[in-house]
Amino acid sequence: MSSDTYIIEVSQQAAGIVVRNPDGYRFFAATHRFNPMEGQLFANAREAERAAFLFASQGFLTAPVIAAA
């Protein structure tokens, strides 16, 4: 059985959560730093985690756009 909700962490701090819906996993920011990613849709939780890590490593300039498959 798989979960419908996952916590996404970057450097041991919560970036947000993803919640499964019929179209994929929707990201909800846990802090203002990740607000630009708010509402993005991902194919799976791992993809959202990678996007949050990439976003953080870019200095929070822009949110990566990764479409769900």
PDB file of N, CA and C in Angstrom:
ATOM      1  N   MET A   1       0.841  -1.171   0.000  1.00  0.00           N
ATOM      2  CA  MET A   1       0.000   0.000   0.000  1.00  0.00           C
ATOM      3  C   MET A   1       0.890   1.241   0.000  1.00  0.00           C
ATOM      4  N   SER A   2       0.585   2.199  -0.866  1.00  0.00           N
ATOM      5  CA  SER A   2       1.373   3.425  -0.908  1.00  0.00           C
ATOM      6  C   SER A   2       0.592   4.569  -0.272  1.00  0.00           C
ATOM      7  N   SER A   3       1.331   5.574   0.117  1.00  0.00           N
ATOM      8  CA  SER A   3       0.730   6.719   0.800  1.00  0.00           C
ATOM      9  C   SER A   3       0.214   7.736  -0.208  1.00  0.00           C
ATOM     10  N   ASP A   4      -0.731   8.543   0.223  1.00  0.00           N
ATOM     11  CA  ASP A   4      -1.267   9.609  -0.618  1.00  0.00           C
ATOM     12  C   ASP A   4      -0.633  10.959  -0.313  1.00  0.00           C
ATOM     13  N   THR A   5       0.148  11.047   0.759  1.00  0.00           N
ATOM     14  CA  THR A   5       0.765  12.302   1.177  1.00  0.00           C
ATOM     15  C   THR A   5       2.200  12.046   1.628  1.00  0.00           C
ATOM     16  N   TYR A   6       3.115  12.910   1.183  1.00  0.00           N
ATOM     17  CA  TYR A   6       4.518  12.797   1.570  1.00  0.00           C
ATOM     18  C   TYR A   6       5.049  14.158   1.986  1.00  0.00           C
ATOM     19  N   ILE A   7       5.923  14.166   2.977  1.00  0.00           N
ATOM     20  CA  ILE A   7       6.641  15.376   3.367  1.00  0.00           C
ATOM     21  C   ILE A   7       7.900  15.458   2.514  1.00  0.00           C
ATOM     22  N   ILE A   8       8.150  16.617   1.952  1.00  0.00           N
ATOM     23  CA  ILE A   8       9.350  16.847   1.151  1.00  0.00           C
ATOM     24  C   ILE A   8      10.313  17.674   1.991  1.00  0.00           C
ATOM     25  N   GLU A   9      11.519  17.151   2.194  1.00  0.00           N
ATOM     26  CA  GLU A   9      12.532  17.849   2.982  1.00  0.00           C
ATOM     27  C   GLU A   9      13.741  18.172   2.125  1.00  0.00           C
ATOM     28  N   VAL A  10      14.332  19.320   2.415  1.00  0.00           N
ATOM     29  CA  VAL A  10      15.581  19.739   1.786  1.00  0.00           C
ATOM     30  C   VAL A  10      16.515  20.137   2.915  1.00  0.00           C
ATOM     31  N   SER A  11      17.663  19.511   2.976  1.00  0.00           N
ATOM     32  CA  SER A  11      18.639  19.771   4.048  1.00  0.00           C
ATOM     33  C   SER A  11      17.998  19.638   5.426  1.00  0.00           C
ATOM     34  N   GLN A  12      17.242  18.597   5.605  1.00  0.00           N
ATOM     35  CA  GLN A  12      16.592  18.242   6.869  1.00  0.00           C
ATOM     36  C   GLN A  12      15.569  19.270   7.345  1.00  0.00           C
ATOM     37  N   GLN A  13      15.064  20.102   6.427  1.00  0.00           N
ATOM     38  CA  GLN A  13      14.011  21.050   6.758  1.00  0.00           C
ATOM     39  C   GLN A  13      12.844  20.836   5.804  1.00  0.00           C
ATOM     40  N   ALA A  14      11.634  20.935   6.332  1.00  0.00           N
ATOM     41  CA  ALA A  14      10.444  20.726   5.508  1.00  0.00           C
ATOM     42  C   ALA A  14      10.341  21.811   4.440  1.00  0.00           C
ATOM     43  N   ALA A  15      10.232  21.374   3.193  1.00  0.00           N
ATOM     44  CA  ALA A  15      10.002  22.292   2.080  1.00  0.00           C
ATOM     45  C   ALA A  15       8.507  22.367   1.792  1.00  0.00           C
ATOM     46  N   GLY A  16       7.837  21.233   1.951  1.00  0.00           N
ATOM     47  CA  GLY A  16       6.407  21.174   1.689  1.00  0.00           C
ATOM     48  C   GLY A  16       5.910  19.750   1.762  1.00  0.00           C
ATOM     49  N   ILE A  17       4.688  19.573   1.325  1.00  0.00           N
ATOM     50  CA  ILE A  17       4.116  18.241   1.210  1.00  0.00           C
ATOM     51  C   ILE A  17       3.589  18.072  -0.203  1.00  0.00           C
ATOM     52  N   VAL A  18       3.479  16.831  -0.622  1.00  0.00           N
ATOM     53  CA  VAL A  18       2.790  16.525  -1.871  1.00  0.00           C
ATOM     54  C   VAL A  18       1.625  15.612  -1.538  1.00  0.00           C
ATOM     55  N   VAL A  19       0.520  15.871  -2.206  1.00  0.00           N
ATOM     56  CA  VAL A  19      -0.703  15.109  -1.984  1.00  0.00           C
ATOM     57  C   VAL A  19      -1.137  14.518  -3.318  1.00  0.00           C
ATOM     58  N   ARG A  20      -1.394  13.217  -3.305  1.00  0.00           N
ATOM     59  CA  ARG A  20      -1.804  12.550  -4.530  1.00  0.00           C
ATOM     60  C   ARG A  20      -3.223  12.962  -4.902  1.00  0.00           C
ATOM     61  N   ASN A  21      -3.421  13.217  -6.194  1.00  0.00           N
ATOM     62  CA  ASN A  21      -4.753  13.421  -6.741  1.00  0.00           C
ATOM     63  C   ASN A  21      -4.812  12.664  -8.062  1.00  0.00           C
ATOM     64  N   PRO A  22      -5.923  12.667  -8.765  1.00  0.00           N
ATOM     65  CA  PRO A  22      -6.010  11.861  -9.993  1.00  0.00           C
ATOM     66  C   PRO A  22      -4.976  12.213 -11.064  1.00  0.00           C
ATOM     67  N   ASP A  23      -4.434  13.432 -11.023  1.00  0.00           N
ATOM     68  CA  ASP A  23      -3.485  13.865 -12.047  1.00  0.00           C
ATOM     69  C   ASP A  23      -2.021  13.687 -11.668  1.00  0.00           C
ATOM     70  N   GLY A  24      -1.730  13.372 -10.415  1.00  0.00           N
ATOM     71  CA  GLY A  24      -0.351  13.241  -9.954  1.00  0.00           C
ATOM     72  C   GLY A  24      -0.243  13.678  -8.510  1.00  0.00           C
ATOM     73  N   TYR A  25       0.880  14.297  -8.164  1.00  0.00           N
ATOM     74  CA  TYR A  25       1.126  14.764  -6.798  1.00  0.00           C
ATOM     75  C   TYR A  25       1.252  16.285  -6.795  1.00  0.00           C
ATOM     76  N   ARG A  26       0.388  16.945  -6.058  1.00  0.00           N
ATOM     77  CA  ARG A  26       0.371  18.409  -5.971  1.00  0.00           C
ATOM     78  C   ARG A  26       1.225  18.854  -4.787  1.00  0.00           C
ATOM     79  N   PHE A  27       2.090  19.868  -5.023  1.00  0.00           N
ATOM     80  CA  PHE A  27       3.001  20.392  -4.002  1.00  0.00           C
ATOM     81  C   PHE A  27       2.349  21.538  -3.242  1.00  0.00           C
ATOM     82  N   PHE A  28       2.486  21.503  -1.906  1.00  0.00           N
ATOM     83  CA  PHE A  28       2.029  22.581  -1.029  1.00  0.00           C
ATOM     84  C   PHE A  28       3.215  23.000  -0.160  1.00  0.00           C
ATOM     85  N   ALA A  29       3.614  24.259  -0.265  1.00  0.00           N
ATOM     86  CA  ALA A  29       4.798  24.766   0.430  1.00  0.00           C
ATOM     87  C   ALA A  29       4.606  24.786   1.938  1.00  0.00           C
ATOM     88  N   ALA A  30       5.658  24.404   2.655  1.00  0.00           N
ATOM     89  CA  ALA A  30       5.650  24.449   4.120  1.00  0.00           C
ATOM     90  C   ALA A  30       6.236  25.757   4.634  1.00  0.00           C
ATOM     91  N   THR A  31       7.038  26.422   3.801  1.00  0.00           N
ATOM     92  CA  THR A  31       7.640  27.698   4.186  1.00  0.00           C
ATOM     93  C   THR A  31       7.525  28.670   3.018  1.00  0.00           C
ATOM     94  N   HIS A  32       7.663  29.947   3.324  1.00  0.00           N
ATOM     95  CA  HIS A  32       7.585  30.978   2.287  1.00  0.00           C
ATOM     96  C   HIS A  32       8.664  30.801   1.233  1.00  0.00           C
ATOM     97  N   ARG A  33       9.794  30.243   1.625  1.00  0.00           N
ATOM     98  CA  ARG A  33      10.892  30.054   0.671  1.00  0.00           C
ATOM     99  C   ARG A  33      10.490  29.180  -0.503  1.00  0.00           C
ATOM    100  N   PHE A  34       9.543  28.269  -0.290  1.00  0.00           N
ATOM    101  CA  PHE A  34       9.128  27.359  -1.351  1.00  0.00           C
ATOM    102  C   PHE A  34       7.783  27.745  -1.968  1.00  0.00           C
ATOM    103  N   ASN A  35       7.273  28.920  -1.644  1.00  0.00           N
ATOM    104  CA  ASN A  35       6.000  29.368  -2.212  1.00  0.00           C
ATOM    105  C   ASN A  35       5.967  29.367  -3.741  1.00  0.00           C
ATOM    106  N   PRO A  36       7.074  29.678  -4.430  1.00  0.00           N
ATOM    107  CA  PRO A  36       7.019  29.636  -5.892  1.00  0.00           C
ATOM    108  C   PRO A  36       6.692  28.244  -6.454  1.00  0.00           C
ATOM    109  N   MET A  37       6.882  27.198  -5.665  1.00  0.00           N
ATOM    110  CA  MET A  37       6.558  25.841  -6.117  1.00  0.00           C
ATOM    111  C   MET A  37       5.114  25.456  -5.802  1.00  0.00           C
ATOM    112  N   GLU A  38       4.433  26.291  -5.041  1.00  0.00           N
ATOM    113  CA  GLU A  38       3.064  26.010  -4.596  1.00  0.00           C
ATOM    114  C   GLU A  38       2.164  25.642  -5.778  1.00  0.00           C
ATOM    115  N   GLY A  39       1.482  24.519  -5.637  1.00  0.00           N
ATOM    116  CA  GLY A  39       0.508  24.096  -6.637  1.00  0.00           C
ATOM    117  C   GLY A  39       1.067  23.320  -7.813  1.00  0.00           C
ATOM    118  N   GLN A  40       2.386  23.209  -7.920  1.00  0.00           N
ATOM    119  CA  GLN A  40       2.948  22.459  -9.044  1.00  0.00           C
ATOM    120  C   GLN A  40       2.559  20.994  -8.946  1.00  0.00           C
ATOM    121  N   LEU A  41       2.396  20.374 -10.087  1.00  0.00           N
ATOM    122  CA  LEU A  41       1.991  18.976 -10.164  1.00  0.00           C
ATOM    123  C   LEU A  41       3.176  18.129 -10.617  1.00  0.00           C
ATOM    124  N   PHE A  42       3.386  17.008  -9.937  1.00  0.00           N
ATOM    125  CA  PHE A  42       4.495  16.106 -10.240  1.00  0.00           C
ATOM    126  C   PHE A  42       3.964  14.697 -10.476  1.00  0.00           C
ATOM    127  N   ALA A  43       4.711  13.911 -11.230  1.00  0.00           N
ATOM    128  CA  ALA A  43       4.312  12.536 -11.523  1.00  0.00           C
ATOM    129  C   ALA A  43       4.375  11.655 -10.286  1.00  0.00           C
ATOM    130  N   ASN A  44       5.330  11.956  -9.377  1.00  0.00           N
ATOM    131  CA  ASN A  44       5.471  11.170  -8.152  1.00  0.00           C
ATOM    132  C   ASN A  44       6.184  12.005  -7.092  1.00  0.00           C
ATOM    133  N   ALA A  45       6.221  11.489  -5.879  1.00  0.00           N
ATOM    134  CA  ALA A  45       6.824  12.224  -4.768  1.00  0.00           C
ATOM    135  C   ALA A  45       8.327  12.411  -4.956  1.00  0.00           C
ATOM    136  N   ARG A  46       8.997  11.439  -5.525  1.00  0.00           N
ATOM    137  CA  ARG A  46      10.445  11.541  -5.744  1.00  0.00           C
ATOM    138  C   ARG A  46      10.759  12.694  -6.697  1.00  0.00           C
ATOM    139  N   GLU A  47       9.955  12.854  -7.726  1.00  0.00           N
ATOM    140  CA  GLU A  47      10.144  13.951  -8.671  1.00  0.00           C
ATOM    141  C   GLU A  47       9.985  15.309  -7.969  1.00  0.00           C
ATOM    142  N   ALA A  48       9.016  15.406  -7.083  1.00  0.00           N
ATOM    143  CA  ALA A  48       8.808  16.641  -6.317  1.00  0.00           C
ATOM    144  C   ALA A  48      10.003  16.916  -5.412  1.00  0.00           C
ATOM    145  N   GLU A  49      10.540  15.873  -4.809  1.00  0.00           N
ATOM    146  CA  GLU A  49      11.706  16.024  -3.943  1.00  0.00           C
ATOM    147  C   GLU A  49      12.904  16.532  -4.739  1.00  0.00           C
ATOM    148  N   ARG A  50      13.124  15.964  -5.911  1.00  0.00           N
ATOM    149  CA  ARG A  50      14.230  16.412  -6.767  1.00  0.00           C
ATOM    150  C   ARG A  50      14.047  17.875  -7.169  1.00  0.00           C
ATOM    151  N   ALA A  51      12.820  18.245  -7.512  1.00  0.00           N
ATOM    152  CA  ALA A  51      12.542  19.626  -7.910  1.00  0.00           C
ATOM    153  C   ALA A  51      12.790  20.592  -6.758  1.00  0.00           C
ATOM    154  N   ALA A  52      12.393  20.220  -5.552  1.00  0.00           N
ATOM    155  CA  ALA A  52      12.616  21.078  -4.380  1.00  0.00           C
ATOM    156  C   ALA A  52      14.109  21.227  -4.107  1.00  0.00           C
ATOM    157  N   PHE A  53      14.858  20.138  -4.242  1.00  0.00           N
ATOM    158  CA  PHE A  53      16.306  20.200  -4.045  1.00  0.00           C
ATOM    159  C   PHE A  53      16.944  21.113  -5.090  1.00  0.00           C
ATOM    160  N   LEU A  54      16.523  20.968  -6.352  1.00  0.00           N
ATOM    161  CA  LEU A  54      17.044  21.813  -7.425  1.00  0.00           C
ATOM    162  C   LEU A  54      16.693  23.276  -7.160  1.00  0.00           C
ATOM    163  N   PHE A  55      15.470  23.521  -6.780  1.00  0.00           N
ATOM    164  CA  PHE A  55      15.016  24.873  -6.460  1.00  0.00           C
ATOM    165  C   PHE A  55      15.875  25.486  -5.357  1.00  0.00           C
ATOM    166  N   ALA A  56      16.119  24.731  -4.300  1.00  0.00           N
ATOM    167  CA  ALA A  56      16.933  25.213  -3.181  1.00  0.00           C
ATOM    168  C   ALA A  56      18.376  25.462  -3.618  1.00  0.00           C
ATOM    169  N   SER A  57      18.907  24.586  -4.454  1.00  0.00           N
ATOM    170  CA  SER A  57      20.301  24.726  -4.880  1.00  0.00           C
ATOM    171  C   SER A  57      20.500  25.912  -5.817  1.00  0.00           C
ATOM    172  N   GLN A  58      19.427  26.385  -6.433  1.00  0.00           N
ATOM    173  CA  GLN A  58      19.505  27.544  -7.326  1.00  0.00           C
ATOM    174  C   GLN A  58      19.310  28.850  -6.568  1.00  0.00           C
ATOM    175  N   GLY A  59      19.253  28.786  -5.258  1.00  0.00           N
ATOM    176  CA  GLY A  59      19.131  29.997  -4.466  1.00  0.00           C
ATOM    177  C   GLY A  59      17.727  30.553  -4.413  1.00  0.00           C
ATOM    178  N   PHE A  60      16.729  29.710  -4.640  1.00  0.00           N
ATOM    179  CA  PHE A  60      15.334  30.119  -4.555  1.00  0.00           C
ATOM    180  C   PHE A  60      14.997  31.235  -5.535  1.00  0.00           C
ATOM    181  N   LEU A  61      15.589  31.209  -6.721  1.00  0.00           N
ATOM    182  CA  LEU A  61      15.316  32.260  -7.693  1.00  0.00           C
ATOM    183  C   LEU A  61      14.027  32.012  -8.458  1.00  0.00           C
ATOM    184  N   THR A  62      13.882  30.821  -8.979  1.00  0.00           N
ATOM    185  CA  THR A  62      12.674  30.482  -9.727  1.00  0.00           C
ATOM    186  C   THR A  62      12.320  29.037  -9.435  1.00  0.00           C
ATOM    187  N   ALA A  63      11.059  28.726  -9.550  1.00  0.00           N
ATOM    188  CA  ALA A  63      10.621  27.350  -9.339  1.00  0.00           C
ATOM    189  C   ALA A  63      10.864  26.546 -10.606  1.00  0.00           C
ATOM    190  N   PRO A  64      11.377  25.333 -10.481  1.00  0.00           N
ATOM    191  CA  PRO A  64      11.540  24.488 -11.656  1.00  0.00           C
ATOM    192  C   PRO A  64      10.175  24.068 -12.170  1.00  0.00           C
ATOM    193  N   VAL A  65      10.036  23.971 -13.460  1.00  0.00           N
ATOM    194  CA  VAL A  65       8.771  23.533 -14.043  1.00  0.00           C
ATOM    195  C   VAL A  65       8.964  22.112 -14.527  1.00  0.00           C
ATOM    196  N   ILE A  66       8.327  21.183 -13.849  1.00  0.00           N
ATOM    197  CA  ILE A  66       8.408  19.771 -14.205  1.00  0.00           C
ATOM    198  C   ILE A  66       6.985  19.267 -14.312  1.00  0.00           C
ATOM    199  N   ALA A  67       6.567  18.936 -15.494  1.00  0.00           N
ATOM    200  CA  ALA A  67       5.191  18.502 -15.711  1.00  0.00           C
ATOM    201  C   ALA A  67       5.026  17.035 -15.352  1.00  0.00           C
ATOM    202  N   ALA A  68       3.862  16.702 -14.846  1.00  0.00           N
ATOM    203  CA  ALA A  68       3.535  15.304 -14.565  1.00  0.00           C
ATOM    204  C   ALA A  68       3.367  14.568 -15.881  1.00  0.00           C
ATOM    205  N   ALA A  69       3.790  13.311 -15.895  1.00  0.00           N
ATOM    206  CA  ALA A  69       3.687  12.509 -17.118  1.00  0.00           C
ATOM    207  C   ALA A  69       2.282  12.006 -17.319  1.00  0.00           C
TER     208      ALA A  69
END
